[in-house]
PDB file of all heavy atoms in Angstrom:
ATOM      1  N   GLU A   1       0.827  -1.211   0.000  1.00  0.00           N
ATOM      2  CA  GLU A   1       0.000   0.000   0.000  1.00  0.00           C
ATOM      3  C   GLU A   1       0.860   1.259   0.000  1.00  0.00           C
ATOM      4  O   GLU A   1       0.629   2.182  -0.796  1.00  0.00           O
ATOM      5  CB  GLU A   1      -0.910  -0.003   1.231  1.00  0.00           C
ATOM      6  CG  GLU A   1      -1.848   1.192   1.286  1.00  0.00           C
ATOM      7  CD  GLU A   1      -2.755   1.153   2.517  1.00  0.00           C
ATOM      8  OE1 GLU A   1      -2.609   0.218   3.331  1.00  0.00           O
ATOM      9  OE2 GLU A   1      -3.599   2.054   2.648  1.00  0.00           O
ATOM     10  N   LYS A   2       1.874   1.287   0.869  1.00  0.00           N
ATOM     11  CA  LYS A   2       2.758   2.451   0.929  1.00  0.00           C
ATOM     12  C   LYS A   2       3.571   2.573  -0.358  1.00  0.00           C
ATOM     13  O   LYS A   2       3.771   3.682  -0.885  1.00  0.00           O
ATOM     14  CB  LYS A   2       3.691   2.329   2.129  1.00  0.00           C
ATOM     15  CG  LYS A   2       4.632   3.528   2.274  1.00  0.00           C
ATOM     16  CD  LYS A   2       5.469   3.428   3.541  1.00  0.00           C
ATOM     17  CE  LYS A   2       6.369   4.648   3.672  1.00  0.00           C
ATOM     18  NZ  LYS A   2       7.212   4.580   4.921  1.00  0.00           N
ATOM     19  N   SER A   3       4.022   1.423  -0.897  1.00  0.00           N
ATOM     20  CA  SER A   3       4.841   1.444  -2.115  1.00  0.00           C
ATOM     21  C   SER A   3       4.032   1.941  -3.310  1.00  0.00           C
ATOM     22  O   SER A   3       4.519   2.743  -4.116  1.00  0.00           O
ATOM     23  CB  SER A   3       5.382   0.036  -2.403  1.00  0.00           C
ATOM     24  OG  SER A   3       6.185  -0.411  -1.330  1.00  0.00           O
ATOM     25  N   PHE A   4       2.780   1.473  -3.433  1.00  0.00           N
ATOM     26  CA  PHE A   4       1.912   1.963  -4.508  1.00  0.00           C
ATOM     27  C   PHE A   4       1.696   3.471  -4.376  1.00  0.00           C
ATOM     28  O   PHE A   4       1.679   4.202  -5.366  1.00  0.00           O
ATOM     29  CB  PHE A   4       0.559   1.248  -4.471  1.00  0.00           C
ATOM     30  CG  PHE A   4       0.592  -0.141  -5.047  1.00  0.00           C
ATOM     31  CD1 PHE A   4       0.014  -1.195  -4.357  1.00  0.00           C
ATOM     32  CD2 PHE A   4       1.178  -0.397  -6.274  1.00  0.00           C
ATOM     33  CE1 PHE A   4       0.034  -2.483  -4.879  1.00  0.00           C
ATOM     34  CE2 PHE A   4       1.202  -1.675  -6.803  1.00  0.00           C
ATOM     35  CZ  PHE A   4       0.632  -2.726  -6.106  1.00  0.00           C
ATOM     36  N   SER A   5       1.530   3.922  -3.156  1.00  0.00           N
ATOM     37  CA  SER A   5       1.305   5.345  -2.916  1.00  0.00           C
ATOM     38  C   SER A   5       2.516   6.168  -3.355  1.00  0.00           C
ATOM     39  O   SER A   5       2.364   7.233  -3.977  1.00  0.00           O
ATOM     40  CB  SER A   5       1.018   5.573  -1.426  1.00  0.00           C
ATOM     41  OG  SER A   5       0.868   6.951  -1.148  1.00  0.00           O
ATOM     42  N   ILE A   6       3.720   5.675  -3.056  1.00  0.00           N
ATOM     43  CA  ILE A   6       4.942   6.394  -3.437  1.00  0.00           C
ATOM     44  C   ILE A   6       5.070   6.459  -4.965  1.00  0.00           C
ATOM     45  O   ILE A   6       5.397   7.513  -5.523  1.00  0.00           O
ATOM     46  CB  ILE A   6       6.177   5.713  -2.819  1.00  0.00           C
ATOM     47  CG1 ILE A   6       6.167   5.904  -1.293  1.00  0.00           C
ATOM     48  CG2 ILE A   6       7.473   6.278  -3.425  1.00  0.00           C
ATOM     49  CD1 ILE A   6       7.239   5.121  -0.557  1.00  0.00           C
ATOM     50  N   ILE A   7       4.812   5.346  -5.632  1.00  0.00           N
ATOM     51  CA  ILE A   7       4.880   5.335  -7.099  1.00  0.00           C
ATOM     52  C   ILE A   7       3.912   6.361  -7.676  1.00  0.00           C
ATOM     53  O   ILE A   7       4.252   7.126  -8.591  1.00  0.00           O
ATOM     54  CB  ILE A   7       4.562   3.930  -7.655  1.00  0.00           C
ATOM     55  CG1 ILE A   7       5.619   2.907  -7.207  1.00  0.00           C
ATOM     56  CG2 ILE A   7       4.459   3.966  -9.185  1.00  0.00           C
ATOM     57  CD1 ILE A   7       6.993   3.121  -7.769  1.00  0.00           C
ATOM     58  N   LYS A   8       2.692   6.386  -7.144  1.00  0.00           N
ATOM     59  CA  LYS A   8       1.686   7.323  -7.648  1.00  0.00           C
ATOM     60  C   LYS A   8       2.098   8.768  -7.396  1.00  0.00           C
ATOM     61  O   LYS A   8       1.949   9.638  -8.269  1.00  0.00           O
ATOM     62  CB  LYS A   8       0.340   7.029  -6.986  1.00  0.00           C
ATOM     63  CG  LYS A   8      -0.821   7.819  -7.564  1.00  0.00           C
ATOM     64  CD  LYS A   8      -2.143   7.347  -6.973  1.00  0.00           C
ATOM     65  CE  LYS A   8      -2.460   5.932  -7.423  1.00  0.00           C
ATOM     66  NZ  LYS A   8      -3.816   5.494  -6.974  1.00  0.00           N
ATOM     67  N   GLU A   9       2.630   9.044  -6.227  1.00  0.00           N
ATOM     68  CA  GLU A   9       3.042  10.400  -5.879  1.00  0.00           C
ATOM     69  C   GLU A   9       4.205  10.885  -6.767  1.00  0.00           C
ATOM     70  O   GLU A   9       4.320  12.076  -7.050  1.00  0.00           O
ATOM     71  CB  GLU A   9       3.478  10.454  -4.412  1.00  0.00           C
ATOM     72  CG  GLU A   9       2.328  10.330  -3.425  1.00  0.00           C
ATOM     73  CD  GLU A   9       2.826  10.202  -1.989  1.00  0.00           C
ATOM     74  OE1 GLU A   9       4.068  10.269  -1.796  1.00  0.00           O
ATOM     75  OE2 GLU A   9       1.996  10.031  -1.080  1.00  0.00           O
ATOM     76  N   GLU A  10       5.052   9.961  -7.185  1.00  0.00           N
ATOM     77  CA  GLU A  10       6.233  10.324  -7.970  1.00  0.00           C
ATOM     78  C   GLU A  10       5.955  10.383  -9.478  1.00  0.00           C
ATOM     79  O   GLU A  10       6.856  10.663 -10.266  1.00  0.00           O
ATOM     80  CB  GLU A  10       7.366   9.330  -7.698  1.00  0.00           C
ATOM     81  CG  GLU A  10       7.917   9.365  -6.281  1.00  0.00           C
ATOM     82  CD  GLU A  10       8.655  10.661  -6.005  1.00  0.00           C
ATOM     83  OE1 GLU A  10       9.355  11.154  -6.917  1.00  0.00           O
ATOM     84  OE2 GLU A  10       8.514  11.195  -4.889  1.00  0.00           O
ATOM     85  N   SER A  11       4.713  10.115  -9.878  1.00  0.00           N
ATOM     86  CA  SER A  11       4.351  10.217 -11.289  1.00  0.00           C
ATOM     87  C   SER A  11       4.470  11.669 -11.745  1.00  0.00           C
ATOM     88  O   SER A  11       3.926  12.584 -11.115  1.00  0.00           O
ATOM     89  CB  SER A  11       2.913   9.733 -11.497  1.00  0.00           C
ATOM     90  OG  SER A  11       2.528   9.875 -12.846  1.00  0.00           O
ATOM     91  N   GLY A  12       5.215  11.891 -12.806  1.00  0.00           N
ATOM     92  CA  GLY A  12       5.403  13.247 -13.321  1.00  0.00           C
ATOM     93  C   GLY A  12       6.619  13.930 -12.761  1.00  0.00           C
ATOM     94  O   GLY A  12       7.028  14.980 -13.268  1.00  0.00           O
ATOM     95  N   SER A  13       7.217  13.363 -11.709  1.00  0.00           N
ATOM     96  CA  SER A  13       8.466  13.909 -11.179  1.00  0.00           C
ATOM     97  C   SER A  13       9.583  12.881 -11.379  1.00  0.00           C
ATOM     98  O   SER A  13      10.470  13.056 -12.208  1.00  0.00           O
ATOM     99  CB  SER A  13       8.320  14.302  -9.706  1.00  0.00           C
ATOM    100  OG  SER A  13       7.843  13.205  -8.940  1.00  0.00           O
ATOM    101  N   HIS A  14       9.497  11.796 -10.629  1.00  0.00           N
ATOM    102  CA  HIS A  14      10.476  10.725 -10.832  1.00  0.00           C
ATOM    103  C   HIS A  14      10.143   9.894 -12.087  1.00  0.00           C
ATOM    104  O   HIS A  14      11.022   9.612 -12.893  1.00  0.00           O
ATOM    105  CB  HIS A  14      10.485   9.807  -9.600  1.00  0.00           C
ATOM    106  CG  HIS A  14      11.575   8.780  -9.611  1.00  0.00           C
ATOM    107  ND1 HIS A  14      12.099   8.235  -8.468  1.00  0.00           N
ATOM    108  CD2 HIS A  14      12.244   8.178 -10.636  1.00  0.00           C
ATOM    109  CE1 HIS A  14      13.048   7.359  -8.788  1.00  0.00           C
ATOM    110  NE2 HIS A  14      13.140   7.301 -10.095  1.00  0.00           N
ATOM    111  N   PHE A  15       8.848   9.559 -12.254  1.00  0.00           N
ATOM    112  CA  PHE A  15       8.459   8.582 -13.277  1.00  0.00           C
ATOM    113  C   PHE A  15       7.660   9.193 -14.424  1.00  0.00           C
ATOM    114  O   PHE A  15       6.936  10.178 -14.242  1.00  0.00           O
ATOM    115  CB  PHE A  15       7.615   7.473 -12.646  1.00  0.00           C
ATOM    116  CG  PHE A  15       8.271   6.795 -11.481  1.00  0.00           C
ATOM    117  CD1 PHE A  15       7.691   6.846 -10.213  1.00  0.00           C
ATOM    118  CD2 PHE A  15       9.467   6.114 -11.629  1.00  0.00           C
ATOM    119  CE1 PHE A  15       8.281   6.226  -9.133  1.00  0.00           C
ATOM    120  CE2 PHE A  15      10.074   5.485 -10.548  1.00  0.00           C
ATOM    121  CZ  PHE A  15       9.482   5.550  -9.289  1.00  0.00           C
ATOM    122  N   ASP A  16       7.796   8.570 -15.566  1.00  0.00           N
ATOM    123  CA  ASP A  16       6.962   8.878 -16.738  1.00  0.00           C
ATOM    124  C   ASP A  16       5.499   8.579 -16.376  1.00  0.00           C
ATOM    125  O   ASP A  16       5.169   7.443 -16.007  1.00  0.00           O
ATOM    126  CB  ASP A  16       7.422   7.993 -17.908  1.00  0.00           C
ATOM    127  CG  ASP A  16       6.544   8.138 -19.141  1.00  0.00           C
ATOM    128  OD1 ASP A  16       5.567   8.906 -19.123  1.00  0.00           O
ATOM    129  OD2 ASP A  16       6.854   7.448 -20.142  1.00  0.00           O
ATOM    130  N   PRO A  17       4.603   9.556 -16.464  1.00  0.00           N
ATOM    131  CA  PRO A  17       3.200   9.310 -16.097  1.00  0.00           C
ATOM    132  C   PRO A  17       2.561   8.166 -16.879  1.00  0.00           C
ATOM    133  O   PRO A  17       1.748   7.410 -16.327  1.00  0.00           O
ATOM    134  CB  PRO A  17       2.518  10.650 -16.425  1.00  0.00           C
ATOM    135  CG  PRO A  17       3.614  11.660 -16.317  1.00  0.00           C
ATOM    136  CD  PRO A  17       4.846  10.971 -16.810  1.00  0.00           C
ATOM    137  N   ARG A  18       2.924   8.009 -18.134  1.00  0.00           N
ATOM    138  CA  ARG A  18       2.352   6.912 -18.925  1.00  0.00           C
ATOM    139  C   ARG A  18       2.812   5.552 -18.399  1.00  0.00           C
ATOM    140  O   ARG A  18       2.034   4.592 -18.353  1.00  0.00           O
ATOM    141  CB  ARG A  18       2.738   7.050 -20.401  1.00  0.00           C
ATOM    142  CG  ARG A  18       2.021   8.179 -21.125  1.00  0.00           C
ATOM    143  CD  ARG A  18       2.432   8.254 -22.583  1.00  0.00           C
ATOM    144  NE  ARG A  18       2.104   7.024 -23.301  1.00  0.00           N
ATOM    145  CZ  ARG A  18       3.003   6.205 -23.848  1.00  0.00           C
ATOM    146  NH1 ARG A  18       4.289   6.462 -23.747  1.00  0.00           N
ATOM    147  NH2 ARG A  18       2.614   5.121 -24.485  1.00  0.00           N
ATOM    148  N   ALA A  19       4.064   5.455 -18.000  1.00  0.00           N
ATOM    149  CA  ALA A  19       4.574   4.206 -17.440  1.00  0.00           C
ATOM    150  C   ALA A  19       3.899   3.890 -16.111  1.00  0.00           C
ATOM    151  O   ALA A  19       3.598   2.729 -15.815  1.00  0.00           O
ATOM    152  CB  ALA A  19       6.094   4.292 -17.268  1.00  0.00           C
ATOM    153  N   VAL A  20       3.639   4.937 -15.325  1.00  0.00           N
ATOM    154  CA  VAL A  20       2.938   4.737 -14.054  1.00  0.00           C
ATOM    155  C   VAL A  20       1.504   4.273 -14.299  1.00  0.00           C
ATOM    156  O   VAL A  20       1.001   3.351 -13.636  1.00  0.00           O
ATOM    157  CB  VAL A  20       2.952   6.032 -13.210  1.00  0.00           C
ATOM    158  CG1 VAL A  20       2.055   5.895 -11.981  1.00  0.00           C
ATOM    159  CG2 VAL A  20       4.378   6.360 -12.785  1.00  0.00           C
ATOM    160  N   ASP A  21       0.825   4.897 -15.259  1.00  0.00           N
ATOM    161  CA  ASP A  21      -0.541   4.474 -15.585  1.00  0.00           C
ATOM    162  C   ASP A  21      -0.567   3.012 -16.028  1.00  0.00           C
ATOM    163  O   ASP A  21      -1.456   2.240 -15.638  1.00  0.00           O
ATOM    164  CB  ASP A  21      -1.114   5.358 -16.695  1.00  0.00           C
ATOM    165  CG  ASP A  21      -1.409   6.778 -16.224  1.00  0.00           C
ATOM    166  OD1 ASP A  21      -1.456   6.993 -14.998  1.00  0.00           O
ATOM    167  OD2 ASP A  21      -1.574   7.662 -17.094  1.00  0.00           O
ATOM    168  N   ALA A  22       0.407   2.626 -16.841  1.00  0.00           N
ATOM    169  CA  ALA A  22       0.479   1.234 -17.297  1.00  0.00           C
ATOM    170  C   ALA A  22       0.750   0.297 -16.125  1.00  0.00           C
ATOM    171  O   ALA A  22       0.186  -0.798 -16.040  1.00  0.00           O
ATOM    172  CB  ALA A  22       1.569   1.085 -18.356  1.00  0.00           C
ATOM    173  N   PHE A  23       1.616   0.739 -15.210  1.00  0.00           N
ATOM    174  CA  PHE A  23       1.935  -0.053 -14.018  1.00  0.00           C
ATOM    175  C   PHE A  23       0.671  -0.334 -13.201  1.00  0.00           C
ATOM    176  O   PHE A  23       0.405  -1.478 -12.807  1.00  0.00           O
ATOM    177  CB  PHE A  23       2.971   0.698 -13.183  1.00  0.00           C
ATOM    178  CG  PHE A  23       3.242   0.102 -11.830  1.00  0.00           C
ATOM    179  CD1 PHE A  23       4.057  -1.012 -11.695  1.00  0.00           C
ATOM    180  CD2 PHE A  23       2.686   0.664 -10.684  1.00  0.00           C
ATOM    181  CE1 PHE A  23       4.306  -1.559 -10.442  1.00  0.00           C
ATOM    182  CE2 PHE A  23       2.930   0.121  -9.435  1.00  0.00           C
ATOM    183  CZ  PHE A  23       3.744  -0.994  -9.302  1.00  0.00           C
ATOM    184  N   PHE A  24      -0.126   0.687 -12.975  1.00  0.00           N
ATOM    185  CA  PHE A  24      -1.347   0.484 -12.179  1.00  0.00           C
ATOM    186  C   PHE A  24      -2.418  -0.271 -12.960  1.00  0.00           C
ATOM    187  O   PHE A  24      -3.256  -0.957 -12.383  1.00  0.00           O
ATOM    188  CB  PHE A  24      -1.873   1.823 -11.667  1.00  0.00           C
ATOM    189  CG  PHE A  24      -1.130   2.330 -10.465  1.00  0.00           C
ATOM    190  CD1 PHE A  24      -0.201   3.359 -10.578  1.00  0.00           C
ATOM    191  CD2 PHE A  24      -1.332   1.763  -9.225  1.00  0.00           C
ATOM    192  CE1 PHE A  24       0.506   3.817  -9.474  1.00  0.00           C
ATOM    193  CE2 PHE A  24      -0.640   2.209  -8.100  1.00  0.00           C
ATOM    194  CZ  PHE A  24       0.294   3.231  -8.230  1.00  0.00           C
ATOM    195  N   ALA A  25      -2.359  -0.181 -14.293  1.00  0.00           N
ATOM    196  CA  ALA A  25      -3.322  -0.930 -15.113  1.00  0.00           C
ATOM    197  C   ALA A  25      -3.078  -2.434 -15.024  1.00  0.00           C
ATOM    198  O   ALA A  25      -4.002  -3.226 -15.237  1.00  0.00           O
ATOM    199  CB  ALA A  25      -3.255  -0.468 -16.568  1.00  0.00           C
ATOM    200  N   VAL A  26      -1.843  -2.826 -14.729  1.00  0.00           N
ATOM    201  CA  VAL A  26      -1.521  -4.258 -14.592  1.00  0.00           C
ATOM    202  C   VAL A  26      -1.197  -4.585 -13.129  1.00  0.00           C
ATOM    203  O   VAL A  26      -0.441  -5.509 -12.844  1.00  0.00           O
ATOM    204  CB  VAL A  26      -0.352  -4.661 -15.509  1.00  0.00           C
ATOM    205  CG1 VAL A  26      -0.742  -4.537 -16.975  1.00  0.00           C
ATOM    206  CG2 VAL A  26       0.898  -3.822 -15.224  1.00  0.00           C
ATOM    207  N   GLN A  27      -1.811  -3.862 -12.219  1.00  0.00           N
ATOM    208  CA  GLN A  27      -1.506  -4.028 -10.796  1.00  0.00           C
ATOM    209  C   GLN A  27      -1.725  -5.455 -10.307  1.00  0.00           C
ATOM    210  O   GLN A  27      -0.915  -5.994  -9.545  1.00  0.00           O
ATOM    211  CB  GLN A  27      -2.361  -3.053  -9.976  1.00  0.00           C
ATOM    212  CG  GLN A  27      -2.085  -3.107  -8.475  1.00  0.00           C
ATOM    213  CD  GLN A  27      -2.841  -2.021  -7.726  1.00  0.00           C
ATOM    214  OE1 GLN A  27      -3.148  -0.966  -8.277  1.00  0.00           O
ATOM    215  NE2 GLN A  27      -3.143  -2.270  -6.464  1.00  0.00           N
ATOM    216  N   GLU A  28      -2.802  -6.088 -10.753  1.00  0.00           N
ATOM    217  CA  GLU A  28      -3.070  -7.462 -10.326  1.00  0.00           C
ATOM    218  C   GLU A  28      -1.977  -8.408 -10.807  1.00  0.00           C
ATOM    219  O   GLU A  28      -1.555  -9.327 -10.085  1.00  0.00           O
ATOM    220  CB  GLU A  28      -4.436  -7.918 -10.848  1.00  0.00           C
ATOM    221  CG  GLU A  28      -5.620  -7.212 -10.191  1.00  0.00           C
ATOM    222  CD  GLU A  28      -5.602  -7.375  -8.677  1.00  0.00           C
ATOM    223  OE1 GLU A  28      -5.361  -8.529  -8.216  1.00  0.00           O
ATOM    224  OE2 GLU A  28      -5.809  -6.381  -7.963  1.00  0.00           O
ATOM    225  N   GLU A  29      -1.508  -8.195 -12.035  1.00  0.00           N
ATOM    226  CA  GLU A  29      -0.416  -9.013 -12.562  1.00  0.00           C
ATOM    227  C   GLU A  29       0.867  -8.775 -11.782  1.00  0.00           C
ATOM    228  O   GLU A  29       1.627  -9.715 -11.489  1.00  0.00           O
ATOM    229  CB  GLU A  29      -0.199  -8.698 -14.040  1.00  0.00           C
ATOM    230  CG  GLU A  29       0.808  -9.587 -14.728  1.00  0.00           C
ATOM    231  CD  GLU A  29       0.926  -9.314 -16.223  1.00  0.00           C
ATOM    232  OE1 GLU A  29       0.078  -8.564 -16.766  1.00  0.00           O
ATOM    233  OE2 GLU A  29       1.869  -9.844 -16.831  1.00  0.00           O
ATOM    234  N   ILE A  30       1.113  -7.525 -11.392  1.00  0.00           N
ATOM    235  CA  ILE A  30       2.288  -7.188 -10.592  1.00  0.00           C
ATOM    236  C   ILE A  30       2.254  -7.940  -9.265  1.00  0.00           C
ATOM    237  O   ILE A  30       3.254  -8.528  -8.828  1.00  0.00           O
ATOM    238  CB  ILE A  30       2.349  -5.660 -10.337  1.00  0.00           C
ATOM    239  CG1 ILE A  30       2.526  -4.883 -11.649  1.00  0.00           C
ATOM    240  CG2 ILE A  30       3.456  -5.323  -9.343  1.00  0.00           C
ATOM    241  CD1 ILE A  30       3.835  -5.116 -12.352  1.00  0.00           C
ATOM    242  N   LEU A  31       1.100  -7.947  -8.626  1.00  0.00           N
ATOM    243  CA  LEU A  31       0.972  -8.623  -7.332  1.00  0.00           C
ATOM    244  C   LEU A  31       1.117 -10.138  -7.470  1.00  0.00           C
ATOM    245  O   LEU A  31       1.661 -10.799  -6.582  1.00  0.00           O
ATOM    246  CB  LEU A  31      -0.383  -8.274  -6.697  1.00  0.00           C
ATOM    247  CG  LEU A  31      -0.537  -6.815  -6.267  1.00  0.00           C
ATOM    248  CD1 LEU A  31      -1.960  -6.549  -5.779  1.00  0.00           C
ATOM    249  CD2 LEU A  31       0.476  -6.455  -5.169  1.00  0.00           C
ATOM    250  N   THR A  32       0.636 -10.681  -8.581  1.00  0.00           N
ATOM    251  CA  THR A  32       0.791 -12.121  -8.825  1.00  0.00           C
ATOM    252  C   THR A  32       2.259 -12.485  -8.971  1.00  0.00           C
ATOM    253  O   THR A  32       2.737 -13.483  -8.410  1.00  0.00           O
ATOM    254  CB  THR A  32       0.021 -12.533 -10.097  1.00  0.00           C
ATOM    255  OG1 THR A  32      -1.366 -12.268  -9.917  1.00  0.00           O
ATOM    256  CG2 THR A  32       0.211 -14.009 -10.397  1.00  0.00           C
ATOM    257  N   ILE A  33       2.998 -11.677  -9.723  1.00  0.00           N
ATOM    258  CA  ILE A  33       4.441 -11.906  -9.892  1.00  0.00           C
ATOM    259  C   ILE A  33       5.143 -11.792  -8.537  1.00  0.00           C
ATOM    260  O   ILE A  33       5.989 -12.629  -8.185  1.00  0.00           O
ATOM    261  CB  ILE A  33       5.028 -10.896 -10.892  1.00  0.00           C
ATOM    262  CG1 ILE A  33       4.445 -11.123 -12.288  1.00  0.00           C
ATOM    263  CG2 ILE A  33       6.557 -10.993 -10.924  1.00  0.00           C
ATOM    264  CD1 ILE A  33       4.747  -9.999 -13.267  1.00  0.00           C
ATOM    265  N   GLN A  34       4.800 -10.780  -7.795  1.00  0.00           N
ATOM    266  CA  GLN A  34       5.427 -10.564  -6.488  1.00  0.00           C
ATOM    267  C   GLN A  34       5.213 -11.765  -5.566  1.00  0.00           C
ATOM    268  O   GLN A  34       6.127 -12.223  -4.882  1.00  0.00           O
ATOM    269  CB  GLN A  34       4.835  -9.305  -5.846  1.00  0.00           C
ATOM    270  CG  GLN A  34       5.454  -8.949  -4.500  1.00  0.00           C
ATOM    271  CD  GLN A  34       4.664  -7.855  -3.802  1.00  0.00           C
ATOM    272  OE1 GLN A  34       3.477  -8.026  -3.512  1.00  0.00           O
ATOM    273  NE2 GLN A  34       5.330  -6.728  -3.578  1.00  0.00           N
ATOM    274  N   SER A  35       3.991 -12.288  -5.578  1.00  0.00           N
ATOM    275  CA  SER A  35       3.670 -13.430  -4.730  1.00  0.00           C
ATOM    276  C   SER A  35       4.398 -14.690  -5.172  1.00  0.00           C
ATOM    277  O   SER A  35       4.856 -15.488  -4.346  1.00  0.00           O
ATOM    278  CB  SER A  35       2.158 -13.663  -4.753  1.00  0.00           C
ATOM    279  OG  SER A  35       1.815 -14.827  -4.031  1.00  0.00           O
ATOM    280  N   ARG A  36       4.508 -14.866  -6.469  1.00  0.00           N
ATOM    281  CA  ARG A  36       5.122 -16.084  -6.998  1.00  0.00           C
ATOM    282  C   ARG A  36       6.633 -16.104  -6.793  1.00  0.00           C
ATOM    283  O   ARG A  36       7.238 -17.169  -6.666  1.00  0.00           O
ATOM    284  CB  ARG A  36       4.799 -16.210  -8.483  1.00  0.00           C
ATOM    285  CG  ARG A  36       5.251 -17.521  -9.100  1.00  0.00           C
ATOM    286  CD  ARG A  36       4.733 -17.663 -10.513  1.00  0.00           C
ATOM    287  NE  ARG A  36       3.275 -17.704 -10.542  1.00  0.00           N
ATOM    288  CZ  ARG A  36       2.559 -17.809 -11.657  1.00  0.00           C
ATOM    289  NH1 ARG A  36       3.174 -17.879 -12.828  1.00  0.00           N
ATOM    290  NH2 ARG A  36       1.238 -17.842 -11.600  1.00  0.00           N
TER     291      ARG A  36
END
């Protein structure tokens, strides 16, 4: 939860906003990879 919040907050400063949007669009897949 905190990590997702940091990524979102850094969109447009640290990160490319489009890459961040894509990251959150595949959030369930990200969590599946993390768990596996």
